[in-house]
Amino acid sequence: MTSRAQILEKVLNNQPDAQPLPADSFTAFPAADPVQAFATVLTTIGGTFIEVSDYQAVQKYILEHFTGQRIVSTLPELAEVSEQGWEDQDPHSYANVDLAVISAHFGVAENAALWITEDLMHQRAVPFICQQLAVVVSKKEIVQTMHDAYLKIGIAEYGFGSFIAGPSKTADIEQSLVLGAHGPKGMTVFVMD
């Protein structure tokens, strides 16, 4: 018997007794209105919260604030304001995107994070390389806590996913807050009925 086999046999024969798992430790986040809590946290961390009734309202906002800029969107409902044929290009080609508009699976009230997977991004680099990021999420898809969020994504199948919360920021340099340090300078969340 090799020394490796001897070590593994000793490990196998000296296992501790099985113990029951501890109870789930859910934190209480007593938001009577998760959408309002999401809005409060998002604005606190530097994002913009806009409640809309439909995609026409999103399109109107984009036309008012981003006319003449490079806009890409993964949402077919916004094809009129989005560049066409931008998908599946070299990620470096997105360096001059002024606004990227994507959707999220759901949002989290306690930290204003949005769960977005690669199938909603179309290109992993887009939500991180654009100057401004806009995300559309359904009001009914805002959960209270990250515990709730992980319960939702725990059984899902996806290749790449990310929680995105607010614009990119850092305060590491001379304790001065800098927005857009390593990602979008601004983030707008359209919460739809």
Protein backbone atom coordinates (compact mmCIF):
# COMPACT_ATOMS: atom_id res chain seq x y z
CA MET A 1 0.00 0.00 0.00
CA THR A 2 1.39 3.41 -0.96
CA SER A 3 1.78 6.20 1.57
CA ARG A 4 -0.95 8.16 -0.24
CA ALA A 5 -3.38 5.24 0.09
CA GLN A 6 -2.48 4.86 3.78
CA ILE A 7 -3.18 8.55 4.47
CA LEU A 8 -6.51 8.46 2.64
CA GLU A 9 -7.54 5.29 4.48
CA LYS A 10 -6.75 6.93 7.85
CA VAL A 11 -8.76 10.00 6.88
CA LEU A 12 -11.68 7.82 5.81
CA ASN A 13 -11.61 5.80 9.05
CA ASN A 14 -11.38 8.85 11.31
CA GLN A 15 -14.31 10.96 10.13
CA PRO A 16 -16.20 12.93 12.79
CA ASP A 17 -19.81 12.03 13.52
CA ALA A 18 -22.32 13.75 11.24
CA GLN A 19 -23.89 16.85 12.76
CA PRO A 20 -27.15 18.49 11.73
CA LEU A 21 -26.81 21.70 9.75
CA PRO A 22 -27.48 24.92 11.66
CA ALA A 23 -30.80 26.67 11.16
CA ASP A 24 -30.99 29.17 8.31
CA SER A 25 -29.99 32.59 9.58
CA PHE A 26 -32.34 34.95 7.81
CA THR A 27 -31.85 38.56 8.64
CA ALA A 28 -34.92 40.64 9.17
CA PHE A 29 -35.38 43.52 6.79
CA PRO A 30 -38.76 44.86 7.78
CA ALA A 31 -39.54 46.92 4.71
CA ALA A 32 -43.29 47.31 4.46
CA ASP A 33 -42.77 48.37 0.85
CA PRO A 34 -39.75 46.68 -0.77
CA VAL A 35 -39.97 48.92 -3.85
CA GLN A 36 -39.72 52.06 -1.72
CA ALA A 37 -36.85 50.52 0.27
CA PHE A 38 -35.08 49.68 -3.00
CA ALA A 39 -35.55 53.29 -4.19
CA THR A 40 -34.17 54.72 -0.95
CA VAL A 41 -31.08 52.53 -0.96
CA LEU A 42 -30.44 53.05 -4.68
CA THR A 43 -30.51 56.85 -4.39
CA THR A 44 -28.34 56.67 -1.27
CA ILE A 45 -25.62 54.78 -3.17
CA GLY A 46 -25.69 57.21 -6.09
CA GLY A 47 -28.19 55.63 -8.47
CA THR A 48 -31.34 57.08 -10.01
CA PHE A 49 -34.72 55.46 -9.40
CA ILE A 50 -37.49 56.01 -11.96
CA GLU A 51 -40.88 54.35 -11.70
CA VAL A 52 -42.42 53.76 -15.15
CA SER A 53 -45.59 52.19 -16.45
CA ASP A 54 -44.26 50.85 -19.75
CA TYR A 55 -41.38 50.84 -22.24
CA GLN A 56 -42.71 53.99 -23.90
CA ALA A 57 -41.88 55.90 -20.71
CA VAL A 58 -38.36 54.41 -20.71
CA GLN A 59 -37.91 55.40 -24.35
CA LYS A 60 -39.15 58.94 -23.65
CA TYR A 61 -36.66 59.32 -20.77
CA ILE A 62 -33.79 58.08 -22.97
CA LEU A 63 -34.69 60.48 -25.77
CA GLU A 64 -34.83 63.39 -23.31
CA HIS A 65 -31.51 62.64 -21.62
CA PHE A 66 -29.32 60.77 -24.12
CA THR A 67 -30.13 62.09 -27.60
CA GLY A 68 -27.13 62.03 -29.94
CA GLN A 69 -25.18 59.56 -27.82
CA ARG A 70 -24.22 55.94 -28.52
CA ILE A 71 -26.96 53.78 -27.00
CA VAL A 72 -27.12 49.99 -27.00
CA SER A 73 -29.98 47.96 -25.58
CA THR A 74 -30.76 44.29 -25.21
CA LEU A 75 -34.47 45.06 -25.06
CA PRO A 76 -36.38 44.71 -28.34
CA GLU A 77 -38.95 47.21 -27.01
CA LEU A 78 -36.25 49.92 -27.19
CA ALA A 79 -35.04 49.15 -30.72
CA GLU A 80 -36.02 52.65 -31.92
CA VAL A 81 -33.48 54.33 -29.62
CA SER A 82 -30.79 51.62 -29.72
CA GLU A 83 -27.96 51.01 -32.15
CA GLN A 84 -28.67 47.93 -34.27
CA GLY A 85 -26.22 45.07 -34.86
CA TRP A 86 -24.02 45.89 -31.88
CA GLU A 87 -24.24 42.43 -30.31
CA ASP A 88 -21.46 39.84 -30.39
CA GLN A 89 -18.67 42.27 -31.32
CA ASP A 90 -15.21 42.51 -29.81
CA PRO A 91 -15.65 43.81 -26.22
CA HIS A 92 -13.25 46.68 -26.96
CA SER A 93 -15.79 48.05 -29.44
CA TYR A 94 -18.09 48.95 -26.53
CA ALA A 95 -15.60 51.33 -24.90
CA ASN A 96 -17.44 54.35 -26.30
CA VAL A 97 -20.98 53.27 -25.37
CA ASP A 98 -22.64 56.18 -23.60
CA LEU A 99 -25.71 54.27 -22.39
CA ALA A 100 -26.42 50.56 -22.13
CA VAL A 101 -29.98 49.50 -21.34
CA ILE A 102 -30.55 45.95 -20.11
CA SER A 103 -33.08 44.15 -17.95
CA ALA A 104 -32.63 42.35 -14.64
CA HIS A 105 -34.16 39.14 -13.35
CA PHE A 106 -34.89 40.78 -10.00
CA GLY A 107 -33.74 43.42 -7.52
CA VAL A 108 -32.95 43.30 -3.80
CA ALA A 109 -34.48 45.92 -1.50
CA GLU A 110 -31.87 45.81 1.27
CA ASN A 111 -28.93 46.85 -0.95
CA ALA A 112 -30.48 47.86 -4.32
CA ALA A 113 -28.56 45.09 -6.10
CA LEU A 114 -29.88 43.73 -9.38
CA TRP A 115 -29.31 40.12 -10.49
CA ILE A 116 -28.32 40.04 -14.15
CA THR A 117 -27.13 36.98 -16.07
CA GLU A 118 -25.25 36.79 -19.34
CA ASP A 119 -28.36 35.96 -21.34
CA LEU A 120 -29.73 39.41 -20.37
CA MET A 121 -26.41 41.18 -21.04
CA HIS A 122 -25.76 39.66 -24.50
CA GLN A 123 -22.09 40.56 -23.92
CA ARG A 124 -20.46 40.35 -20.48
CA ALA A 125 -18.50 43.56 -20.89
CA VAL A 126 -21.45 45.82 -21.71
CA PRO A 127 -22.78 46.65 -18.21
CA PHE A 128 -19.26 47.29 -16.92
CA ILE A 129 -17.68 49.24 -19.79
CA CYS A 130 -20.47 51.69 -20.65
CA GLN A 131 -20.49 55.26 -19.32
CA GLN A 132 -24.07 55.04 -18.05
CA LEU A 133 -26.04 51.90 -17.24
CA ALA A 134 -29.84 51.69 -17.23
CA VAL A 135 -31.63 48.60 -15.99
CA VAL A 136 -35.30 47.71 -16.29
CA VAL A 137 -36.80 45.54 -13.56
CA SER A 138 -40.36 44.59 -12.71
CA LYS A 139 -41.80 45.99 -9.49
CA LYS A 140 -43.09 42.54 -8.53
CA GLU A 141 -39.56 41.13 -8.89
CA ILE A 142 -38.01 43.07 -5.99
CA VAL A 143 -37.23 40.79 -3.06
CA GLN A 144 -36.51 41.89 0.50
CA THR A 145 -33.03 40.49 1.27
CA MET A 146 -30.00 38.79 -0.24
CA HIS A 147 -31.17 35.60 1.50
CA ASP A 148 -34.31 35.77 -0.63
CA ALA A 149 -32.17 36.50 -3.68
CA TYR A 150 -29.98 33.45 -3.17
CA LEU A 151 -33.05 31.29 -2.72
CA LYS A 152 -34.18 32.48 -6.17
CA ILE A 153 -30.86 31.91 -7.93
CA GLY A 154 -29.84 28.79 -6.03
CA ILE A 155 -31.82 26.47 -8.29
CA ALA A 156 -31.38 28.42 -11.54
CA GLU A 157 -29.00 27.40 -14.30
CA TYR A 158 -26.79 30.12 -15.72
CA GLY A 159 -23.23 30.47 -16.99
CA PHE A 160 -22.33 33.95 -15.79
CA GLY A 161 -24.25 36.25 -13.48
CA SER A 162 -23.61 39.32 -11.41
CA PHE A 163 -25.25 41.46 -8.77
CA ILE A 164 -24.90 45.09 -9.81
CA ALA A 165 -25.70 47.87 -7.33
CA GLY A 166 -25.42 51.53 -8.20
CA PRO A 167 -22.73 53.26 -10.21
CA SER A 168 -19.12 52.22 -9.86
CA LYS A 169 -17.41 53.99 -6.97
CA THR A 170 -14.38 53.99 -4.73
CA ALA A 171 -13.16 56.04 -1.80
CA ASP A 172 -9.74 54.41 -1.49
CA ILE A 173 -7.78 57.37 -2.82
CA GLU A 174 -7.38 60.06 -0.18
CA GLN A 175 -10.77 59.04 1.25
CA SER A 176 -12.51 60.94 -1.53
CA LEU A 177 -15.53 59.38 -3.21
CA VAL A 178 -15.04 58.88 -6.94
CA LEU A 179 -17.94 57.70 -9.14
CA GLY A 180 -17.13 55.76 -12.30
CA ALA A 181 -13.82 54.53 -10.96
CA HIS A 182 -13.95 51.13 -12.66
CA GLY A 183 -17.33 50.96 -14.37
CA PRO A 184 -20.35 53.11 -15.20
CA LYS A 185 -20.39 56.67 -13.89
CA GLY A 186 -24.12 56.52 -13.37
CA MET A 187 -26.89 53.97 -13.00
CA THR A 188 -30.58 54.44 -13.63
CA VAL A 189 -33.09 51.80 -12.63
CA PHE A 190 -36.48 51.83 -14.31
CA VAL A 191 -38.94 49.99 -12.08
CA MET A 192 -41.90 48.91 -14.16
CA ASP A 193 -45.43 48.07 -13.01
